[in-house]
Amino acid sequence: MTTVLKRFLAWFLYPLVRNVCVGFSRVFWRLSVEGKEHVPKTGPFILAPVHRSNVDSPIVSACSPRRMRFLGKQEMWKFKASEIFFDGMRGIPVNRGTPDRDALRRCIDALQNGEPLVVFPEGSRRSGPVVDELFEGVAYIATKTGVPIIPVGIGGSEPAMPKGAKFLKPVKVHLTIGAPIHPEITEGNKAPRRAVRELNTKLYTELQRLFDDAQEKAGTPNR
């Protein structure tokens, strides 16, 4: 797909798909969003939600009307039609389970171009009330680029469509958006191991707090 076609699709397709997803979520899942004031209206940021369901990606588009770049598993691009769709949505494919340097570079390039990025720091879908151990990719990219991380708790999405389910369930879903977490300023856009580790720990603690809050407000408390 040519760059011109990608840009046209991104201009046309993303807001159309986002509006449909958000509208559907508000009606079917009675979606409520708290903390939108924490999402920057300009400039790059990394939106870092918890991940419990396949519906998390369309749901978190409600956090901001801006065009956000989503990191997604490479398998989503395996068919020509899905490749055109996800390229049009400006998605970034990643090979899970291996250090994907190309995906990392594309994420950094997107942020340096001023584009917001969505990355699930748990990696793949998880289950249960406890946030899983986070991959350090989000903390590394944030430290490398100096952009803030916006943590997001998603409550109710697991019962909305748990692993293995074929149909959606009309349960309550709530998003709790946290305050920006700013990385340590380093010289020459370096990402020292200590700074990355400390930022990752801070992100984990905040994600668990936000997840607990979102679950409570969705009616599916973590207890």
N, C-alpha and C. Protein backbone atom coordinates (compact mmCIF):
# COMPACT_ATOMS: atom_id res chain seq x y z
N MET A 1 0.84 -1.19 0.00
CA MET A 1 0.00 0.00 0.00
C MET A 1 0.88 1.24 0.00
N THR A 2 0.58 2.18 -0.89
CA THR A 2 1.38 3.39 -0.99
C THR A 2 1.19 4.29 0.22
N THR A 3 2.18 5.15 0.45
CA THR A 3 2.11 6.08 1.58
C THR A 3 0.93 7.02 1.44
N VAL A 4 0.66 7.48 0.22
CA VAL A 4 -0.45 8.41 -0.02
C VAL A 4 -1.79 7.74 0.33
N LEU A 5 -1.96 6.46 -0.10
CA LEU A 5 -3.19 5.73 0.19
C LEU A 5 -3.34 5.50 1.69
N LYS A 6 -2.23 5.17 2.36
CA LYS A 6 -2.27 4.97 3.81
C LYS A 6 -2.74 6.23 4.52
N ARG A 7 -2.20 7.37 4.08
CA ARG A 7 -2.57 8.63 4.73
C ARG A 7 -4.04 8.98 4.48
N PHE A 8 -4.52 8.68 3.27
CA PHE A 8 -5.92 8.94 2.96
C PHE A 8 -6.83 8.08 3.83
N LEU A 9 -6.49 6.79 3.92
CA LEU A 9 -7.29 5.87 4.72
C LEU A 9 -7.27 6.28 6.20
N ALA A 10 -6.07 6.70 6.68
CA ALA A 10 -5.96 7.13 8.07
C ALA A 10 -6.83 8.35 8.33
N TRP A 11 -6.87 9.26 7.37
CA TRP A 11 -7.69 10.47 7.51
C TRP A 11 -9.17 10.14 7.50
N PHE A 12 -9.58 9.19 6.66
CA PHE A 12 -10.99 8.87 6.49
C PHE A 12 -11.46 7.73 7.40
N LEU A 13 -10.65 6.65 7.46
CA LEU A 13 -11.10 5.41 8.10
C LEU A 13 -11.08 5.49 9.63
N TYR A 14 -10.01 6.02 10.20
CA TYR A 14 -9.88 6.00 11.66
C TYR A 14 -11.04 6.70 12.37
N PRO A 15 -11.35 7.96 12.04
CA PRO A 15 -12.46 8.61 12.76
C PRO A 15 -13.81 7.91 12.54
N LEU A 16 -14.00 7.32 11.35
CA LEU A 16 -15.24 6.60 11.09
C LEU A 16 -15.35 5.38 11.99
N VAL A 17 -14.29 4.56 12.03
CA VAL A 17 -14.30 3.35 12.84
C VAL A 17 -14.38 3.70 14.32
N ARG A 18 -13.63 4.72 14.74
CA ARG A 18 -13.65 5.12 16.15
C ARG A 18 -15.05 5.54 16.58
N ASN A 19 -15.70 6.37 15.78
CA ASN A 19 -17.04 6.85 16.14
C ASN A 19 -18.05 5.71 16.25
N VAL A 20 -17.94 4.74 15.34
CA VAL A 20 -18.83 3.57 15.40
C VAL A 20 -18.56 2.77 16.66
N CYS A 21 -17.28 2.53 16.97
CA CYS A 21 -16.91 1.73 18.15
C CYS A 21 -17.35 2.41 19.44
N VAL A 22 -17.09 3.72 19.54
CA VAL A 22 -17.45 4.45 20.75
C VAL A 22 -18.97 4.51 20.91
N GLY A 23 -19.67 4.78 19.81
CA GLY A 23 -21.13 4.83 19.86
C GLY A 23 -21.73 3.51 20.28
N PHE A 24 -21.21 2.42 19.70
CA PHE A 24 -21.69 1.09 20.05
C PHE A 24 -21.41 0.79 21.52
N SER A 25 -20.21 1.13 21.99
CA SER A 25 -19.82 0.84 23.37
C SER A 25 -20.69 1.59 24.36
N ARG A 26 -21.03 2.81 24.04
CA ARG A 26 -21.87 3.61 24.95
C ARG A 26 -23.28 3.04 25.08
N VAL A 27 -23.77 2.46 23.99
CA VAL A 27 -25.12 1.89 24.01
C VAL A 27 -25.11 0.46 24.56
N PHE A 28 -24.26 -0.39 23.99
CA PHE A 28 -24.28 -1.82 24.32
C PHE A 28 -23.66 -2.11 25.68
N TRP A 29 -22.54 -1.43 26.00
CA TRP A 29 -21.84 -1.68 27.26
C TRP A 29 -22.02 -0.54 28.27
N ARG A 30 -22.86 0.42 27.94
CA ARG A 30 -23.07 1.58 28.83
C ARG A 30 -21.73 2.18 29.25
N LEU A 31 -20.84 2.30 28.28
CA LEU A 31 -19.48 2.75 28.54
C LEU A 31 -19.44 4.11 29.22
N SER A 32 -18.67 4.20 30.29
CA SER A 32 -18.41 5.47 30.96
C SER A 32 -16.91 5.67 31.04
N VAL A 33 -16.48 6.92 30.92
CA VAL A 33 -15.06 7.24 30.91
C VAL A 33 -14.78 8.32 31.94
N GLU A 34 -13.81 8.07 32.79
CA GLU A 34 -13.43 9.02 33.83
C GLU A 34 -11.95 9.40 33.66
N GLY A 35 -11.65 10.69 33.73
CA GLY A 35 -10.26 11.13 33.67
C GLY A 35 -9.77 11.57 32.31
N LYS A 36 -10.70 11.92 31.41
CA LYS A 36 -10.30 12.36 30.07
C LYS A 36 -9.39 13.58 30.10
N GLU A 37 -9.48 14.36 31.17
CA GLU A 37 -8.66 15.57 31.27
C GLU A 37 -7.17 15.25 31.36
N HIS A 38 -6.85 13.98 31.66
CA HIS A 38 -5.44 13.58 31.76
C HIS A 38 -4.81 13.29 30.39
N VAL A 39 -5.62 13.16 29.35
CA VAL A 39 -5.12 12.82 28.02
C VAL A 39 -4.72 14.10 27.28
N PRO A 40 -3.46 14.25 26.88
CA PRO A 40 -3.02 15.47 26.19
C PRO A 40 -3.80 15.71 24.90
N LYS A 41 -4.15 16.97 24.67
CA LYS A 41 -4.88 17.34 23.45
C LYS A 41 -3.93 17.57 22.28
N THR A 42 -2.66 17.76 22.57
CA THR A 42 -1.65 17.91 21.53
C THR A 42 -0.39 17.15 21.95
N GLY A 43 0.45 16.86 20.98
CA GLY A 43 1.72 16.21 21.27
C GLY A 43 1.60 14.72 21.48
N PRO A 44 2.73 14.03 21.51
CA PRO A 44 2.73 12.57 21.64
C PRO A 44 2.55 12.11 23.08
N PHE A 45 2.01 10.92 23.22
CA PHE A 45 1.91 10.25 24.52
C PHE A 45 1.74 8.76 24.25
N ILE A 46 1.93 7.96 25.29
CA ILE A 46 1.69 6.52 25.19
C ILE A 46 0.52 6.17 26.09
N LEU A 47 -0.56 5.70 25.49
CA LEU A 47 -1.72 5.23 26.25
C LEU A 47 -1.44 3.78 26.63
N ALA A 48 -1.44 3.48 27.93
CA ALA A 48 -1.06 2.14 28.40
C ALA A 48 -2.19 1.52 29.22
N PRO A 49 -3.10 0.79 28.58
CA PRO A 49 -4.23 0.17 29.30
C PRO A 49 -3.90 -1.25 29.78
N VAL A 50 -4.68 -1.71 30.77
CA VAL A 50 -4.65 -3.12 31.12
C VAL A 50 -5.32 -3.88 29.96
N HIS A 51 -5.13 -5.21 29.93
CA HIS A 51 -5.64 -5.96 28.77
C HIS A 51 -6.29 -7.26 29.23
N ARG A 52 -7.63 -7.31 29.12
CA ARG A 52 -8.39 -8.48 29.52
C ARG A 52 -9.29 -9.04 28.43
N SER A 53 -9.39 -8.37 27.28
CA SER A 53 -10.35 -8.80 26.26
C SER A 53 -9.96 -8.26 24.89
N ASN A 54 -10.46 -8.93 23.84
CA ASN A 54 -10.26 -8.45 22.48
C ASN A 54 -10.97 -7.13 22.21
N VAL A 55 -11.95 -6.80 23.05
CA VAL A 55 -12.68 -5.55 22.83
C VAL A 55 -11.97 -4.34 23.44
N ASP A 56 -10.83 -4.56 24.10
CA ASP A 56 -10.13 -3.45 24.75
C ASP A 56 -9.68 -2.38 23.76
N SER A 57 -9.17 -2.81 22.60
CA SER A 57 -8.67 -1.83 21.63
C SER A 57 -9.75 -0.86 21.15
N PRO A 58 -10.90 -1.35 20.66
CA PRO A 58 -11.94 -0.40 20.25
C PRO A 58 -12.48 0.42 21.42
N ILE A 59 -12.52 -0.16 22.61
CA ILE A 59 -13.04 0.56 23.77
C ILE A 59 -12.15 1.73 24.15
N VAL A 60 -10.82 1.53 24.17
CA VAL A 60 -9.93 2.61 24.63
C VAL A 60 -9.84 3.75 23.64
N SER A 61 -10.37 3.57 22.42
CA SER A 61 -10.39 4.70 21.49
C SER A 61 -11.29 5.81 22.02
N ALA A 62 -12.13 5.49 23.03
CA ALA A 62 -12.99 6.49 23.65
C ALA A 62 -12.20 7.46 24.52
N CYS A 63 -10.93 7.13 24.81
CA CYS A 63 -10.11 7.99 25.67
C CYS A 63 -9.78 9.32 25.01
N SER A 64 -9.72 9.32 23.68
CA SER A 64 -9.34 10.54 22.97
C SER A 64 -9.88 10.52 21.54
N PRO A 65 -10.34 11.67 21.04
CA PRO A 65 -10.78 11.72 19.65
C PRO A 65 -9.61 11.79 18.66
N ARG A 66 -8.41 11.94 19.17
CA ARG A 66 -7.24 12.02 18.30
C ARG A 66 -6.94 10.68 17.64
N ARG A 67 -6.30 10.72 16.49
CA ARG A 67 -5.90 9.49 15.81
C ARG A 67 -4.71 8.90 16.55
N MET A 68 -4.91 7.74 17.13
CA MET A 68 -3.85 7.08 17.89
C MET A 68 -3.33 5.87 17.12
N ARG A 69 -2.04 5.62 17.21
CA ARG A 69 -1.44 4.45 16.59
C ARG A 69 -1.52 3.29 17.57
N PHE A 70 -1.99 2.14 17.10
CA PHE A 70 -2.14 0.96 17.96
C PHE A 70 -1.09 -0.08 17.60
N LEU A 71 -0.44 -0.62 18.62
CA LEU A 71 0.47 -1.75 18.43
C LEU A 71 -0.35 -3.03 18.49
N GLY A 72 -0.24 -3.89 17.48
CA GLY A 72 -1.05 -5.11 17.43
C GLY A 72 -0.23 -6.31 16.98
N LYS A 73 -0.70 -7.50 17.32
CA LYS A 73 0.03 -8.72 16.97
C LYS A 73 0.08 -8.89 15.45
N GLN A 74 1.20 -9.40 14.97
CA GLN A 74 1.46 -9.57 13.54
C GLN A 74 0.38 -10.38 12.85
N GLU A 75 -0.23 -11.34 13.56
CA GLU A 75 -1.23 -12.21 12.95
C GLU A 75 -2.45 -11.45 12.43
N MET A 76 -2.68 -10.26 12.95
CA MET A 76 -3.82 -9.46 12.50
C MET A 76 -3.64 -8.97 11.07
N TRP A 77 -2.43 -9.06 10.55
CA TRP A 77 -2.12 -8.59 9.19
C TRP A 77 -1.99 -9.75 8.19
N LYS A 78 -2.36 -10.97 8.57
CA LYS A 78 -2.04 -12.13 7.73
C LYS A 78 -2.90 -12.24 6.48
N PHE A 79 -4.09 -11.62 6.46
CA PHE A 79 -4.93 -11.63 5.26
C PHE A 79 -4.85 -10.28 4.56
N LYS A 80 -5.03 -10.28 3.25
CA LYS A 80 -4.89 -9.04 2.49
C LYS A 80 -5.90 -7.99 2.95
N ALA A 81 -7.14 -8.42 3.16
CA ALA A 81 -8.18 -7.47 3.58
C ALA A 81 -7.86 -6.88 4.95
N SER A 82 -7.41 -7.74 5.89
CA SER A 82 -7.08 -7.24 7.22
C SER A 82 -5.83 -6.37 7.18
N GLU A 83 -4.91 -6.69 6.28
CA GLU A 83 -3.70 -5.87 6.12
C GLU A 83 -4.08 -4.46 5.68
N ILE A 84 -4.97 -4.37 4.69
CA ILE A 84 -5.41 -3.06 4.20
C ILE A 84 -6.12 -2.29 5.32
N PHE A 85 -6.96 -3.00 6.08
CA PHE A 85 -7.72 -2.35 7.15
C PHE A 85 -6.78 -1.82 8.24
N PHE A 86 -5.91 -2.68 8.75
CA PHE A 86 -5.05 -2.27 9.87
C PHE A 86 -3.97 -1.28 9.44
N ASP A 87 -3.51 -1.38 8.19
CA ASP A 87 -2.61 -0.35 7.67
C ASP A 87 -3.36 0.98 7.56
N GLY A 88 -4.62 0.91 7.11
CA GLY A 88 -5.43 2.12 7.00
C GLY A 88 -5.70 2.74 8.35
N MET A 89 -5.78 1.90 9.38
CA MET A 89 -5.97 2.38 10.75
C MET A 89 -4.65 2.82 11.39
N ARG A 90 -3.57 2.72 10.61
CA ARG A 90 -2.23 3.13 11.06
C ARG A 90 -1.74 2.25 12.21
N GLY A 91 -2.10 0.98 12.15
CA GLY A 91 -1.62 0.05 13.16
C GLY A 91 -0.15 -0.28 12.95
N ILE A 92 0.50 -0.76 14.02
CA ILE A 92 1.91 -1.15 13.95
C ILE A 92 2.00 -2.62 14.35
N PRO A 93 2.33 -3.52 13.41
CA PRO A 93 2.40 -4.94 13.74
C PRO A 93 3.65 -5.27 14.55
N VAL A 94 3.50 -6.23 15.47
CA VAL A 94 4.65 -6.66 16.27
C VAL A 94 4.64 -8.17 16.39
N ASN A 95 5.82 -8.76 16.29
CA ASN A 95 5.98 -10.20 16.51
C ASN A 95 6.14 -10.43 18.01
N ARG A 96 5.12 -11.04 18.61
CA ARG A 96 5.14 -11.25 20.06
C ARG A 96 6.09 -12.39 20.42
N GLY A 97 6.69 -12.27 21.60
CA GLY A 97 7.56 -13.33 22.09
C GLY A 97 9.00 -13.17 21.65
N THR A 98 9.28 -12.20 20.78
CA THR A 98 10.64 -11.96 20.32
C THR A 98 10.91 -10.45 20.36
N PRO A 99 12.17 -10.05 20.52
CA PRO A 99 12.50 -8.62 20.48
C PRO A 99 12.30 -8.10 19.05
N ASP A 100 11.23 -7.39 18.80
CA ASP A 100 10.91 -6.90 17.46
C ASP A 100 11.45 -5.47 17.32
N ARG A 101 12.67 -5.36 16.82
CA ARG A 101 13.33 -4.05 16.73
C ARG A 101 12.65 -3.14 15.70
N ASP A 102 12.09 -3.73 14.67
CA ASP A 102 11.41 -2.92 13.66
C ASP A 102 10.16 -2.27 14.25
N ALA A 103 9.38 -3.03 15.02
CA ALA A 103 8.19 -2.47 15.66
C ALA A 103 8.59 -1.39 16.66
N LEU A 104 9.67 -1.64 17.40
CA LEU A 104 10.16 -0.66 18.37
C LEU A 104 10.55 0.63 17.68
N ARG A 105 11.25 0.50 16.57
CA ARG A 105 11.67 1.69 15.81
C ARG A 105 10.47 2.47 15.30
N ARG A 106 9.45 1.75 14.80
CA ARG A 106 8.26 2.42 14.28
C ARG A 106 7.49 3.14 15.38
N CYS A 107 7.48 2.55 16.56
CA CYS A 107 6.83 3.21 17.70
C CYS A 107 7.54 4.51 18.05
N ILE A 108 8.86 4.45 18.11
CA ILE A 108 9.64 5.63 18.44
C ILE A 108 9.48 6.70 17.36
N ASP A 109 9.48 6.28 16.09
CA ASP A 109 9.30 7.22 14.98
C ASP A 109 7.94 7.91 15.08
N ALA A 110 6.89 7.14 15.39
CA ALA A 110 5.55 7.71 15.49
C ALA A 110 5.49 8.78 16.57
N LEU A 111 6.07 8.48 17.74
CA LEU A 111 6.07 9.45 18.84
C LEU A 111 6.89 10.69 18.50
N GLN A 112 8.02 10.48 17.85
CA GLN A 112 8.85 11.62 17.46
C GLN A 112 8.19 12.48 16.40
N ASN A 113 7.23 11.90 15.68
CA ASN A 113 6.43 12.66 14.71
C ASN A 113 5.21 13.31 15.35
N GLY A 114 5.08 13.17 16.66
CA GLY A 114 3.98 13.81 17.37
C GLY A 114 2.71 13.00 17.45
N GLU A 115 2.76 11.69 17.09
CA GLU A 115 1.56 10.85 17.08
C GLU A 115 1.39 10.12 18.41
N PRO A 116 0.17 10.07 18.95
CA PRO A 116 -0.09 9.27 20.15
C PRO A 116 -0.01 7.77 19.82
N LEU A 117 0.37 6.99 20.81
CA LEU A 117 0.57 5.55 20.62
C LEU A 117 -0.16 4.78 21.71
N VAL A 118 -0.80 3.67 21.34
CA VAL A 118 -1.48 2.79 22.31
C VAL A 118 -0.71 1.47 22.39
N VAL A 119 -0.23 1.13 23.59
CA VAL A 119 0.48 -0.13 23.79
C VAL A 119 -0.03 -0.77 25.08
N PHE A 120 -0.39 -2.05 25.01
CA PHE A 120 -0.81 -2.79 26.20
C PHE A 120 0.44 -3.35 26.88
N PRO A 121 0.83 -2.79 28.03
CA PRO A 121 2.11 -3.19 28.64
C PRO A 121 2.15 -4.62 29.16
N GLU A 122 0.98 -5.27 29.35
CA GLU A 122 0.98 -6.68 29.75
C GLU A 122 1.28 -7.59 28.56
N GLY A 123 1.32 -7.02 27.36
CA GLY A 123 1.65 -7.78 26.16
C GLY A 123 0.41 -8.36 25.51
N SER A 124 -0.04 -9.49 25.97
CA SER A 124 -1.23 -10.14 25.42
C SER A 124 -2.35 -10.11 26.46
N ARG A 125 -3.53 -10.62 26.06
CA ARG A 125 -4.66 -10.66 26.99
C ARG A 125 -4.34 -11.49 28.23
N ARG A 126 -4.73 -10.96 29.37
CA ARG A 126 -4.56 -11.68 30.63
C ARG A 126 -5.93 -11.93 31.24
N SER A 127 -5.94 -12.55 32.40
CA SER A 127 -7.21 -12.83 33.06
C SER A 127 -7.04 -12.64 34.56
N GLY A 128 -8.14 -12.26 35.22
CA GLY A 128 -8.10 -12.15 36.66
C GLY A 128 -7.91 -10.73 37.17
N PRO A 129 -7.95 -10.57 38.49
CA PRO A 129 -7.95 -9.25 39.11
C PRO A 129 -6.58 -8.61 39.31
N VAL A 130 -5.51 -9.38 39.07
CA VAL A 130 -4.17 -8.86 39.32
C VAL A 130 -3.49 -8.53 37.99
N VAL A 131 -2.97 -7.31 37.88
CA VAL A 131 -2.24 -6.92 36.68
C VAL A 131 -1.01 -7.81 36.54
N ASP A 132 -0.81 -8.37 35.36
CA ASP A 132 0.31 -9.27 35.12
C ASP A 132 1.61 -8.49 35.05
N GLU A 133 2.72 -9.20 35.19
CA GLU A 133 4.03 -8.56 35.08
C GLU A 133 4.13 -7.82 33.74
N LEU A 134 4.59 -6.58 33.79
CA LEU A 134 4.64 -5.76 32.58
C LEU A 134 5.93 -5.98 31.79
N PHE A 135 5.80 -6.02 30.48
CA PHE A 135 6.97 -5.94 29.63
C PHE A 135 7.53 -4.52 29.74
N GLU A 136 8.82 -4.35 29.57
CA GLU A 136 9.44 -3.05 29.78
C GLU A 136 9.44 -2.17 28.53
N GLY A 137 8.78 -2.65 27.46
CA GLY A 137 8.79 -1.89 26.21
C GLY A 137 8.21 -0.49 26.36
N VAL A 138 7.07 -0.37 27.06
CA VAL A 138 6.43 0.94 27.24
C VAL A 138 7.36 1.88 27.99
N ALA A 139 7.93 1.39 29.10
CA ALA A 139 8.84 2.22 29.90
C ALA A 139 10.09 2.60 29.11
N TYR A 140 10.59 1.66 28.32
CA TYR A 140 11.78 1.95 27.51
C TYR A 140 11.50 3.03 26.48
N ILE A 141 10.39 2.88 25.74
CA ILE A 141 10.05 3.85 24.70
C ILE A 141 9.81 5.23 25.30
N ALA A 142 9.13 5.27 26.45
CA ALA A 142 8.85 6.55 27.10
C ALA A 142 10.15 7.22 27.55
N THR A 143 11.05 6.44 28.13
CA THR A 143 12.33 6.98 28.59
C THR A 143 13.18 7.43 27.40
N LYS A 144 13.12 6.67 26.34
CA LYS A 144 13.91 6.98 25.14
C LYS A 144 13.42 8.26 24.47
N THR A 145 12.11 8.48 24.44
CA THR A 145 11.54 9.62 23.71
C THR A 145 11.17 10.79 24.61
N GLY A 146 11.04 10.53 25.93
CA GLY A 146 10.67 11.59 26.85
C GLY A 146 9.19 11.90 26.90
N VAL A 147 8.35 11.04 26.30
CA VAL A 147 6.90 11.31 26.27
C VAL A 147 6.23 10.71 27.50
N PRO A 148 5.10 11.28 27.94
CA PRO A 148 4.40 10.75 29.11
C PRO A 148 3.63 9.48 28.82
N ILE A 149 3.45 8.67 29.85
CA ILE A 149 2.61 7.47 29.77
C ILE A 149 1.28 7.80 30.43
N ILE A 150 0.18 7.47 29.74
CA ILE A 150 -1.16 7.66 30.30
C ILE A 150 -1.71 6.28 30.64
N PRO A 151 -1.73 5.89 31.92
CA PRO A 151 -2.23 4.56 32.30
C PRO A 151 -3.76 4.53 32.30
N VAL A 152 -4.31 3.39 31.93
CA VAL A 152 -5.77 3.26 31.84
C VAL A 152 -6.23 1.93 32.44
N GLY A 153 -7.17 2.02 33.37
CA GLY A 153 -7.81 0.82 33.89
C GLY A 153 -9.10 0.57 33.13
N ILE A 154 -9.33 -0.67 32.71
CA ILE A 154 -10.55 -1.03 31.98
C ILE A 154 -11.33 -2.01 32.85
N GLY A 155 -12.51 -1.62 33.26
CA GLY A 155 -13.33 -2.48 34.09
C GLY A 155 -14.48 -3.08 33.30
N GLY A 156 -14.69 -4.38 33.44
CA GLY A 156 -15.84 -5.04 32.81
C GLY A 156 -15.59 -5.63 31.44
N SER A 157 -14.41 -5.42 30.85
CA SER A 157 -14.21 -5.91 29.49
C SER A 157 -14.01 -7.43 29.43
N GLU A 158 -13.51 -8.02 30.50
CA GLU A 158 -13.32 -9.47 30.47
C GLU A 158 -14.66 -10.21 30.41
N PRO A 159 -15.64 -9.89 31.26
CA PRO A 159 -16.95 -10.53 31.09
C PRO A 159 -17.67 -10.10 29.82
N ALA A 160 -17.30 -8.93 29.26
CA ALA A 160 -17.93 -8.49 28.01
C ALA A 160 -17.57 -9.42 26.85
N MET A 161 -16.33 -9.92 26.87
CA MET A 161 -15.91 -10.91 25.88
C MET A 161 -14.66 -11.62 26.39
N PRO A 162 -14.84 -12.64 27.22
CA PRO A 162 -13.70 -13.38 27.76
C PRO A 162 -13.02 -14.22 26.69
N LYS A 163 -11.84 -14.74 27.01
CA LYS A 163 -11.12 -15.60 26.09
C LYS A 163 -11.98 -16.79 25.69
N GLY A 164 -12.01 -17.08 24.40
CA GLY A 164 -12.77 -18.22 23.89
C GLY A 164 -14.21 -17.91 23.57
N ALA A 165 -14.71 -16.74 23.99
CA ALA A 165 -16.11 -16.39 23.72
C ALA A 165 -16.29 -16.00 22.26
N LYS A 166 -17.44 -16.34 21.70
CA LYS A 166 -17.75 -16.00 20.30
C LYS A 166 -18.71 -14.83 20.19
N PHE A 167 -19.34 -14.50 21.31
CA PHE A 167 -20.34 -13.43 21.27
C PHE A 167 -20.07 -12.41 22.36
N LEU A 168 -20.51 -11.19 22.12
CA LEU A 168 -20.37 -10.11 23.09
C LEU A 168 -21.50 -10.18 24.11
N LYS A 169 -21.21 -9.76 25.34
CA LYS A 169 -22.22 -9.73 26.39
C LYS A 169 -22.47 -8.28 26.81
N PRO A 170 -23.73 -7.89 26.99
CA PRO A 170 -24.06 -6.50 27.30
C PRO A 170 -23.87 -6.15 28.78
N VAL A 171 -22.62 -6.17 29.23
CA VAL A 171 -22.31 -5.83 30.61
C VAL A 171 -21.85 -4.37 30.70
N LYS A 172 -21.71 -3.86 31.91
CA LYS A 172 -21.23 -2.51 32.12
C LYS A 172 -19.71 -2.47 31.95
N VAL A 173 -19.20 -1.45 31.21
CA VAL A 173 -17.76 -1.26 31.04
C VAL A 173 -17.40 0.17 31.45
N HIS A 174 -16.31 0.30 32.18
CA HIS A 174 -15.88 1.61 32.66
C HIS A 174 -14.38 1.78 32.43
N LEU A 175 -13.97 2.97 32.01
CA LEU A 175 -12.56 3.31 31.84
C LEU A 175 -12.18 4.34 32.90
N THR A 176 -11.09 4.09 33.59
CA THR A 176 -10.52 5.08 34.50
C THR A 176 -9.14 5.46 33.99
N ILE A 177 -9.00 6.71 33.57
CA ILE A 177 -7.74 7.20 33.00
C ILE A 177 -6.94 7.91 34.10
N GLY A 178 -5.70 7.51 34.26
CA GLY A 178 -4.86 8.10 35.30
C GLY A 178 -4.08 9.31 34.82
N ALA A 179 -3.48 9.99 35.78
CA ALA A 179 -2.64 11.16 35.47
C ALA A 179 -1.39 10.70 34.72
N PRO A 180 -0.83 11.56 33.87
CA PRO A 180 0.37 11.20 33.11
C PRO A 180 1.53 10.82 34.03
N ILE A 181 2.25 9.80 33.64
CA ILE A 181 3.48 9.41 34.33
C ILE A 181 4.64 9.86 33.45
N HIS A 182 5.44 10.77 33.94
CA HIS A 182 6.52 11.34 33.12
C HIS A 182 7.83 10.59 33.38
N PRO A 183 8.51 10.23 32.30
CA PRO A 183 9.79 9.52 32.47
C PRO A 183 10.88 10.46 32.96
N GLU A 184 11.92 9.87 33.49
CA GLU A 184 13.08 10.64 33.92
C GLU A 184 13.77 11.25 32.69
N ILE A 185 14.15 12.51 32.80
CA ILE A 185 14.86 13.17 31.70
C ILE A 185 16.30 12.66 31.66
N THR A 186 16.71 12.13 30.52
CA THR A 186 18.07 11.60 30.37
C THR A 186 18.79 12.31 29.24
N GLU A 187 20.10 12.26 29.27
CA GLU A 187 20.91 12.93 28.25
C GLU A 187 20.91 12.14 26.96
N GLY A 188 20.79 12.87 25.85
CA GLY A 188 20.93 12.24 24.53
C GLY A 188 19.89 11.18 24.23
N ASN A 189 18.68 11.32 24.80
CA ASN A 189 17.61 10.35 24.55
C ASN A 189 18.04 8.92 24.88
N LYS A 190 18.84 8.78 25.92
CA LYS A 190 19.25 7.45 26.36
C LYS A 190 18.16 6.86 27.26
N ALA A 191 18.21 5.56 27.44
CA ALA A 191 17.23 4.89 28.30
C ALA A 191 17.97 3.98 29.27
N PRO A 192 18.55 4.57 30.35
CA PRO A 192 19.30 3.76 31.32
C PRO A 192 18.42 2.66 31.92
N ARG A 193 19.03 1.53 32.16
CA ARG A 193 18.30 0.38 32.70
C ARG A 193 17.58 0.73 33.99
N ARG A 194 18.23 1.47 34.88
CA ARG A 194 17.62 1.83 36.16
C ARG A 194 16.37 2.68 35.96
N ALA A 195 16.46 3.68 35.06
CA ALA A 195 15.32 4.57 34.82
C ALA A 195 14.14 3.80 34.23
N VAL A 196 14.43 2.88 33.34
CA VAL A 196 13.37 2.06 32.72
C VAL A 196 12.70 1.19 33.76
N ARG A 197 13.51 0.56 34.60
CA ARG A 197 12.97 -0.35 35.62
C ARG A 197 12.11 0.42 36.63
N GLU A 198 12.57 1.57 37.06
CA GLU A 198 11.80 2.37 38.03
C GLU A 198 10.49 2.87 37.43
N LEU A 199 10.53 3.29 36.16
CA LEU A 199 9.32 3.76 35.49
C LEU A 199 8.34 2.62 35.32
N ASN A 200 8.84 1.44 35.01
CA ASN A 200 7.98 0.27 34.82
C ASN A 200 7.29 -0.10 36.14
N THR A 201 8.01 0.00 37.24
CA THR A 201 7.43 -0.30 38.56
C THR A 201 6.34 0.71 38.90
N LYS A 202 6.59 1.98 38.61
CA LYS A 202 5.61 3.03 38.88
C LYS A 202 4.35 2.81 38.03
N LEU A 203 4.55 2.42 36.77
CA LEU A 203 3.42 2.16 35.88
C LEU A 203 2.60 0.98 36.39
N TYR A 204 3.28 -0.08 36.84
CA TYR A 204 2.57 -1.26 37.33
C TYR A 204 1.67 -0.91 38.52
N THR A 205 2.23 -0.17 39.48
CA THR A 205 1.47 0.21 40.67
C THR A 205 0.24 1.03 40.32
N GLU A 206 0.40 1.97 39.40
CA GLU A 206 -0.71 2.83 39.01
C GLU A 206 -1.75 2.06 38.21
N LEU A 207 -1.32 1.16 37.34
CA LEU A 207 -2.26 0.36 36.56
C LEU A 207 -3.13 -0.51 37.46
N GLN A 208 -2.54 -1.09 38.50
CA GLN A 208 -3.33 -1.92 39.40
C GLN A 208 -4.37 -1.08 40.13
N ARG A 209 -3.98 0.12 40.55
CA ARG A 209 -4.91 1.00 41.24
C ARG A 209 -6.07 1.40 40.32
N LEU A 210 -5.75 1.74 39.10
CA LEU A 210 -6.77 2.16 38.14
C LEU A 210 -7.66 0.99 37.72
N PHE A 211 -7.08 -0.18 37.59
CA PHE A 211 -7.85 -1.38 37.24
C PHE A 211 -8.85 -1.70 38.36
N ASP A 212 -8.39 -1.63 39.60
CA ASP A 212 -9.28 -1.87 40.74
C ASP A 212 -10.44 -0.87 40.73
N ASP A 213 -10.12 0.39 40.47
CA ASP A 213 -11.15 1.44 40.46
C ASP A 213 -12.15 1.20 39.34
N ALA A 214 -11.64 0.89 38.14
CA ALA A 214 -12.52 0.67 36.98
C ALA A 214 -13.41 -0.55 37.18
N GLN A 215 -12.85 -1.60 37.75
CA GLN A 215 -13.64 -2.81 38.01
C GLN A 215 -14.76 -2.53 39.02
N GLU A 216 -14.44 -1.76 40.03
CA GLU A 216 -15.45 -1.41 41.04
C GLU A 216 -16.60 -0.65 40.40
N LYS A 217 -16.28 0.31 39.53
CA LYS A 217 -17.30 1.16 38.92
C LYS A 217 -18.05 0.44 37.79
N ALA A 218 -17.47 -0.65 37.30
CA ALA A 218 -18.16 -1.45 36.29
C ALA A 218 -19.05 -2.50 36.93
N GLY A 219 -18.95 -2.63 38.24
CA GLY A 219 -19.76 -3.64 38.93
C GLY A 219 -19.14 -5.01 38.96
N THR A 220 -17.83 -5.09 38.66
CA THR A 220 -17.12 -6.38 38.70
C THR A 220 -15.87 -6.21 39.56
N PRO A 221 -16.03 -5.93 40.86
CA PRO A 221 -14.90 -5.59 41.72
C PRO A 221 -13.85 -6.68 41.82
N ASN A 222 -12.60 -6.25 41.95
CA ASN A 222 -11.46 -7.18 42.06
C ASN A 222 -11.32 -7.68 43.51
N ARG A 223 -12.25 -8.53 43.92
CA ARG A 223 -12.14 -9.11 45.27
C ARG A 223 -12.87 -10.46 45.30
